[in-house]
Amino acid sequence: MADFLDVLLSPFSFTFMQQAFLIVLLVAIPTALLSCFLVLKGWSLMGDAISHSVLPGIVIAYVLAIPFALGAFGAGMFCALATGYLKENSRIKEDTIMGVVFSSMFAFGIVLMTKIHSNIHLDHILFGDPLGVSWRDIGEAGVITLAVIMFAIFKGKDLLVFIFDPQHAQAIGLPTKVLHYSLLALLSLTIVAALKAVGMILVISMLIAPGATAFMLTSRFQTMVGLALLISVTNAFFGMYLSFFIDSAPGPTIILLLTINFIGVFTYTTIKNRYIEQKNIKITVTHDDQHAIELINNPT
């Protein structure tokens, strides 16, 4: 029994694993919070765009010998601002603009990496490297997590009004521009924090799957946030834990668990809705039959 417990607890006996658990759990919190807003606003592609656009910022930060987080955040904000400017000054739809901007920035980053000899490992940027994080990385993720939590607490209601009805938000005096770019800034920061944990390719799943899964289970925003946090944190923990025993990459393992959760909830809600629909039809038919019988027995 003692040997079995030792095996179960073995992942926590290594410092690099303790750091990996911390970074994925810290990333799971802001991504879950933002996923609720992104799903409701229909900004899934915006998260994808910003996550892909950070690559040239990382390479330029390496050349300038500045923290990668600064370069990634700058590139992410540039992508968001460029998308907003092009949308406001052209007839092209936002999703089309985002597709052009993020793909071109991602391509620019790849070209820079091939021309500049560096020790930056592309696989670590694309898919994350939680096993190689430092306490500094964990500290940065903690600060970003705290910033997202504080924003959700103090500005969450205003942001909800802005998401559901921008015209009404502007009419009642809410700073819609500030809310818009604050959400983009927090999204960029969260992607920066998630680079080490799951990478720029997989972070989009952590920014969408928890909110999308929770959305299928409830129609109340507060409950949706709670469920999204539970789903994100639980899958991040068990994905990290499972990857240790099956010797797989932590980031993809976490995303696979999130996907399995989504498919399971989708299947459950589909079956449940069909059952409720059939039950309602049966009740309606029974009521109509009873009414017809009453008419036959009492024709007058």
Protein backbone atom coordinates (compact mmCIF):
# COMPACT_ATOMS: atom_id res chain seq x y z
CA MET A 1 0.00 0.00 0.00
CA ALA A 2 2.84 2.36 0.90
CA ASP A 3 4.58 1.62 -2.40
CA PHE A 4 1.35 2.36 -4.28
CA LEU A 5 1.01 5.73 -2.53
CA ASP A 6 4.65 6.51 -3.29
CA VAL A 7 3.97 5.90 -6.98
CA LEU A 8 0.85 8.11 -6.94
CA LEU A 9 2.71 10.95 -5.22
CA SER A 10 5.93 10.56 -7.20
CA PRO A 11 5.20 13.48 -9.60
CA PHE A 12 5.22 15.89 -6.65
CA SER A 13 8.67 14.79 -5.47
CA PHE A 14 10.47 16.60 -8.29
CA THR A 15 11.02 20.36 -8.25
CA PHE A 16 10.49 20.72 -12.00
CA MET A 17 7.15 18.94 -11.70
CA GLN A 18 6.06 21.16 -8.81
CA GLN A 19 6.86 24.21 -10.93
CA ALA A 20 5.02 22.68 -13.90
CA PHE A 21 1.89 22.08 -11.80
CA LEU A 22 2.00 25.67 -10.55
CA ILE A 23 2.36 27.23 -14.01
CA VAL A 24 -0.46 25.22 -15.62
CA LEU A 25 -2.82 25.91 -12.70
CA LEU A 26 -2.00 29.63 -12.77
CA VAL A 27 -2.64 29.71 -16.52
CA ALA A 28 -5.87 27.71 -16.17
CA ILE A 29 -7.52 30.45 -14.07
CA PRO A 30 -7.26 33.50 -16.40
CA THR A 31 -7.90 31.43 -19.53
CA ALA A 32 -11.11 30.07 -17.97
CA LEU A 33 -12.30 33.55 -16.96
CA LEU A 34 -11.56 35.05 -20.36
CA SER A 35 -13.05 32.06 -22.19
CA CYS A 36 -16.48 32.94 -20.81
CA PHE A 37 -16.28 36.48 -22.22
CA LEU A 38 -14.78 35.32 -25.52
CA VAL A 39 -17.45 32.65 -26.08
CA LEU A 40 -20.28 35.07 -25.33
CA LYS A 41 -18.80 37.80 -27.53
CA GLY A 42 -17.91 35.43 -30.37
CA TRP A 43 -14.23 36.30 -30.22
CA SER A 44 -12.78 32.82 -30.57
CA LEU A 45 -10.85 33.80 -33.68
CA MET A 46 -9.44 36.87 -31.92
CA GLY A 47 -7.76 34.63 -29.36
CA ASP A 48 -6.39 32.49 -32.17
CA ALA A 49 -5.12 35.56 -34.01
CA ILE A 50 -3.30 37.06 -31.03
CA SER A 51 -1.79 33.72 -30.01
CA HIS A 52 -0.26 33.25 -33.46
CA SER A 53 0.92 36.83 -33.76
CA VAL A 54 3.25 36.76 -30.74
CA LEU A 55 6.00 34.81 -32.56
CA PRO A 56 7.74 37.80 -34.22
CA GLY A 57 7.58 39.66 -30.92
CA ILE A 58 9.44 36.83 -29.19
CA VAL A 59 12.17 36.76 -31.84
CA ILE A 60 12.58 40.55 -31.78
CA ALA A 61 12.73 40.45 -27.97
CA TYR A 62 15.56 37.91 -28.24
CA VAL A 63 17.48 40.18 -30.62
CA LEU A 64 17.00 43.22 -28.35
CA ALA A 65 17.86 41.17 -25.24
CA ILE A 66 14.63 42.09 -23.47
CA PRO A 67 12.15 39.74 -21.71
CA PHE A 68 10.21 37.58 -24.14
CA ALA A 69 7.00 38.54 -22.34
CA LEU A 70 7.42 42.18 -23.41
CA GLY A 71 7.97 41.26 -27.05
CA ALA A 72 5.07 38.81 -27.10
CA PHE A 73 2.72 41.31 -25.45
CA GLY A 74 3.76 44.06 -27.87
CA ALA A 75 3.17 41.82 -30.88
CA GLY A 76 -0.20 40.67 -29.54
CA MET A 77 -1.39 44.23 -28.97
CA PHE A 78 -0.13 45.27 -32.40
CA CYS A 79 -2.22 42.48 -33.94
CA ALA A 80 -5.31 43.56 -31.98
CA LEU A 81 -4.87 47.27 -32.81
CA ALA A 82 -4.14 46.58 -36.48
CA THR A 83 -7.26 44.42 -36.72
CA GLY A 84 -9.36 47.16 -35.12
CA TYR A 85 -7.95 49.88 -37.37
CA LEU A 86 -8.48 47.88 -40.56
CA LYS A 87 -12.01 46.98 -39.52
CA GLU A 88 -12.95 50.61 -38.86
CA ASN A 89 -11.41 51.86 -42.11
CA SER A 90 -12.54 49.24 -44.61
CA ARG A 91 -15.58 47.22 -45.62
CA ILE A 92 -13.84 43.91 -44.92
CA LYS A 93 -15.32 41.77 -42.17
CA GLU A 94 -13.41 41.33 -38.92
CA ASP A 95 -12.83 37.59 -39.27
CA THR A 96 -11.27 38.10 -42.71
CA ILE A 97 -8.98 40.83 -41.39
CA MET A 98 -7.91 38.69 -38.45
CA GLY A 99 -7.10 35.81 -40.77
CA VAL A 100 -4.86 38.03 -42.89
CA VAL A 101 -3.15 39.78 -39.96
CA PHE A 102 -2.37 36.79 -37.75
CA SER A 103 -1.23 34.53 -40.59
CA SER A 104 1.09 37.22 -41.95
CA MET A 105 2.57 37.93 -38.50
CA PHE A 106 3.05 34.22 -37.84
CA ALA A 107 4.78 33.84 -41.20
CA PHE A 108 6.96 36.88 -40.41
CA GLY A 109 7.99 35.25 -37.14
CA ILE A 110 8.94 32.01 -38.90
CA VAL A 111 11.05 33.96 -41.43
CA LEU A 112 12.82 35.82 -38.61
CA MET A 113 13.60 32.56 -36.84
CA THR A 114 15.16 31.08 -39.96
CA LYS A 115 17.34 34.18 -40.51
CA ILE A 116 18.39 34.84 -36.93
CA HIS A 117 20.46 32.20 -35.19
CA SER A 118 19.12 31.85 -31.68
CA ASN A 119 18.65 29.33 -28.91
CA ILE A 120 14.86 29.72 -29.09
CA HIS A 121 13.30 26.30 -29.58
CA LEU A 122 10.34 26.58 -31.94
CA ASP A 123 8.61 23.50 -30.49
CA HIS A 124 8.64 25.07 -27.02
CA ILE A 125 6.99 28.22 -28.37
CA LEU A 126 4.41 26.34 -30.39
CA PHE A 127 3.49 23.63 -27.86
CA GLY A 128 4.81 24.92 -24.54
CA ASP A 129 7.44 23.64 -22.13
CA PRO A 130 6.02 23.61 -18.58
CA LEU A 131 8.78 21.25 -17.44
CA GLY A 132 11.36 23.95 -18.15
CA VAL A 133 9.79 26.93 -16.40
CA SER A 134 11.58 29.02 -13.79
CA TRP A 135 10.25 30.71 -10.66
CA ARG A 136 10.39 33.97 -12.61
CA ASP A 137 7.99 32.52 -15.20
CA ILE A 138 5.68 31.42 -12.40
CA GLY A 139 5.85 34.89 -10.85
CA GLU A 140 4.91 36.53 -14.17
CA ALA A 141 2.00 34.11 -14.60
CA GLY A 142 0.85 34.87 -11.06
CA VAL A 143 0.83 38.63 -11.66
CA ILE A 144 -1.14 38.21 -14.91
CA THR A 145 -3.60 35.85 -13.21
CA LEU A 146 -4.16 38.39 -10.43
CA ALA A 147 -4.72 41.17 -12.99
CA VAL A 148 -7.36 39.14 -14.85
CA ILE A 149 -9.13 38.20 -11.60
CA MET A 150 -9.23 41.83 -10.43
CA PHE A 151 -10.56 42.98 -13.79
CA ALA A 152 -13.28 40.30 -13.73
CA ILE A 153 -14.30 41.31 -10.20
CA PHE A 154 -14.42 45.08 -10.71
CA LYS A 155 -15.31 45.38 -14.41
CA GLY A 156 -16.98 42.07 -15.20
CA LYS A 157 -20.53 43.45 -15.10
CA ASP A 158 -19.64 46.41 -17.32
CA LEU A 159 -17.93 44.07 -19.74
CA LEU A 160 -21.02 41.84 -19.87
CA VAL A 161 -23.20 44.81 -20.80
CA PHE A 162 -20.68 45.78 -23.48
CA ILE A 163 -20.61 42.23 -24.87
CA PHE A 164 -24.39 41.79 -25.11
CA ASP A 165 -25.34 45.32 -26.19
CA PRO A 166 -22.51 47.75 -27.12
CA GLN A 167 -24.99 50.49 -28.08
CA HIS A 168 -26.73 50.30 -24.72
CA ALA A 169 -23.37 50.28 -22.92
CA GLN A 170 -22.36 53.45 -24.74
CA ALA A 171 -25.75 55.08 -24.08
CA ILE A 172 -25.50 54.59 -20.32
CA GLY A 173 -22.01 56.08 -20.25
CA LEU A 174 -19.77 53.04 -20.05
CA PRO A 175 -16.27 53.53 -21.51
CA THR A 176 -16.73 51.04 -24.35
CA LYS A 177 -13.36 51.77 -25.97
CA VAL A 178 -11.58 51.24 -22.66
CA LEU A 179 -13.46 47.98 -22.06
CA HIS A 180 -12.72 46.80 -25.61
CA TYR A 181 -8.97 47.39 -25.45
CA SER A 182 -8.72 46.27 -21.83
CA LEU A 183 -10.14 42.90 -22.85
CA LEU A 184 -7.66 42.72 -25.72
CA ALA A 185 -4.77 43.67 -23.42
CA LEU A 186 -5.73 41.01 -20.86
CA LEU A 187 -6.11 38.48 -23.65
CA SER A 188 -2.60 39.29 -24.89
CA LEU A 189 -1.17 39.07 -21.37
CA THR A 190 -2.87 35.74 -20.73
CA ILE A 191 -1.48 34.31 -23.95
CA VAL A 192 1.98 35.49 -22.87
CA ALA A 193 1.54 33.67 -19.54
CA ALA A 194 0.35 30.53 -21.32
CA LEU A 195 3.27 30.35 -23.75
CA LYS A 196 5.41 28.36 -21.34
CA ALA A 197 2.57 26.09 -20.28
CA VAL A 198 0.84 25.09 -23.53
CA GLY A 199 2.38 27.22 -26.29
CA MET A 200 0.86 29.57 -28.84
CA ILE A 201 -0.87 26.84 -30.86
CA LEU A 202 -2.68 25.09 -28.01
CA VAL A 203 -3.54 28.12 -25.87
CA ILE A 204 -6.57 28.82 -28.06
CA SER A 205 -8.18 25.62 -26.73
CA MET A 206 -7.72 26.75 -23.12
CA LEU A 207 -9.24 30.10 -24.09
CA ILE A 208 -12.34 28.52 -25.67
CA ALA A 209 -13.02 24.99 -24.39
CA PRO A 210 -13.78 25.76 -20.70
CA GLY A 211 -16.23 28.55 -21.53
CA ALA A 212 -17.83 26.61 -24.39
CA THR A 213 -18.27 23.52 -22.22
CA ALA A 214 -19.74 25.52 -19.35
CA PHE A 215 -22.03 27.40 -21.74
CA MET A 216 -23.74 24.13 -22.68
CA LEU A 217 -24.47 23.35 -19.03
CA THR A 218 -25.99 26.61 -17.80
CA SER A 219 -27.65 29.84 -18.87
CA ARG A 220 -26.44 31.90 -15.87
CA PHE A 221 -23.16 33.78 -16.26
CA GLN A 222 -22.01 33.34 -12.65
CA THR A 223 -22.56 29.59 -12.87
CA MET A 224 -20.84 29.54 -16.24
CA VAL A 225 -17.74 31.19 -14.77
CA GLY A 226 -17.66 28.76 -11.85
CA LEU A 227 -18.00 25.73 -14.13
CA ALA A 228 -15.38 27.06 -16.55
CA LEU A 229 -12.91 27.53 -13.69
CA LEU A 230 -13.61 24.04 -12.37
CA ILE A 231 -13.23 22.48 -15.82
CA SER A 232 -10.04 24.39 -16.65
CA VAL A 233 -8.24 23.87 -13.32
CA THR A 234 -9.24 20.20 -13.04
CA ASN A 235 -8.15 19.32 -16.56
CA ALA A 236 -4.91 21.29 -16.21
CA PHE A 237 -4.03 19.40 -13.03
CA PHE A 238 -4.94 15.92 -14.27
CA GLY A 239 -3.44 16.57 -17.70
CA MET A 240 -0.14 17.46 -16.07
CA TYR A 241 -0.42 14.50 -13.70
CA LEU A 242 -1.31 12.03 -16.46
CA SER A 243 1.49 13.22 -18.74
CA PHE A 244 4.04 12.21 -16.09
CA PHE A 245 2.93 8.56 -16.11
CA ILE A 246 2.29 8.11 -19.85
CA ASP A 247 5.43 10.10 -20.77
CA SER A 248 3.62 12.55 -23.05
CA ALA A 249 3.86 16.29 -23.63
CA PRO A 250 1.91 18.09 -20.85
CA GLY A 251 0.32 20.78 -23.05
CA PRO A 252 -1.28 18.45 -25.61
CA THR A 253 -2.41 16.10 -22.83
CA ILE A 254 -4.27 18.95 -21.09
CA ILE A 255 -5.92 19.96 -24.36
CA LEU A 256 -6.98 16.37 -25.08
CA LEU A 257 -8.69 16.17 -21.68
CA LEU A 258 -10.47 19.47 -22.34
CA THR A 259 -11.64 18.11 -25.69
CA ILE A 260 -12.90 14.88 -24.10
CA ASN A 261 -14.82 16.97 -21.56
CA PHE A 262 -16.35 19.06 -24.32
CA ILE A 263 -17.43 16.01 -26.32
CA GLY A 264 -18.86 14.35 -23.20
CA VAL A 265 -20.87 17.42 -22.20
CA PHE A 266 -22.05 17.94 -25.78
CA THR A 267 -23.26 14.33 -25.94
CA TYR A 268 -24.98 14.61 -22.55
CA THR A 269 -26.77 17.88 -23.35
CA THR A 270 -27.85 16.62 -26.79
CA ILE A 271 -29.42 13.47 -25.32
CA LYS A 272 -30.99 15.47 -22.49
CA ASN A 273 -32.51 18.05 -24.84
CA ARG A 274 -33.93 15.34 -27.12
CA TYR A 275 -35.47 13.57 -24.13
CA ILE A 276 -37.06 16.81 -22.90
CA GLU A 277 -38.32 17.59 -26.40
CA GLN A 278 -39.87 14.14 -26.80
CA LYS A 279 -41.43 14.38 -23.33
CA ASN A 280 -42.98 17.75 -24.17
CA ILE A 281 -44.35 16.38 -27.44
CA LYS A 282 -45.84 13.40 -25.59
CA ILE A 283 -47.48 15.68 -23.02
CA THR A 284 -48.88 17.89 -25.79
CA VAL A 285 -50.27 14.90 -27.71
CA THR A 286 -51.81 13.45 -24.53
CA HIS A 287 -53.44 16.79 -23.75
CA ASP A 288 -54.84 17.06 -27.28
CA ASP A 289 -56.21 13.50 -27.11
CA GLN A 290 -57.92 14.22 -23.79
CA HIS A 291 -59.42 17.38 -25.23
CA ALA A 292 -60.73 15.41 -28.25
CA ILE A 293 -62.31 12.79 -25.97
CA GLU A 294 -64.06 15.49 -23.99
CA LEU A 295 -65.48 16.98 -27.19
CA ILE A 296 -66.79 13.58 -28.31
CA ASN A 297 -68.42 12.87 -24.94
CA ASN A 298 -69.83 16.37 -24.67
CA PRO A 299 -70.55 17.55 -28.22
CA THR A 300 -72.68 20.43 -26.97
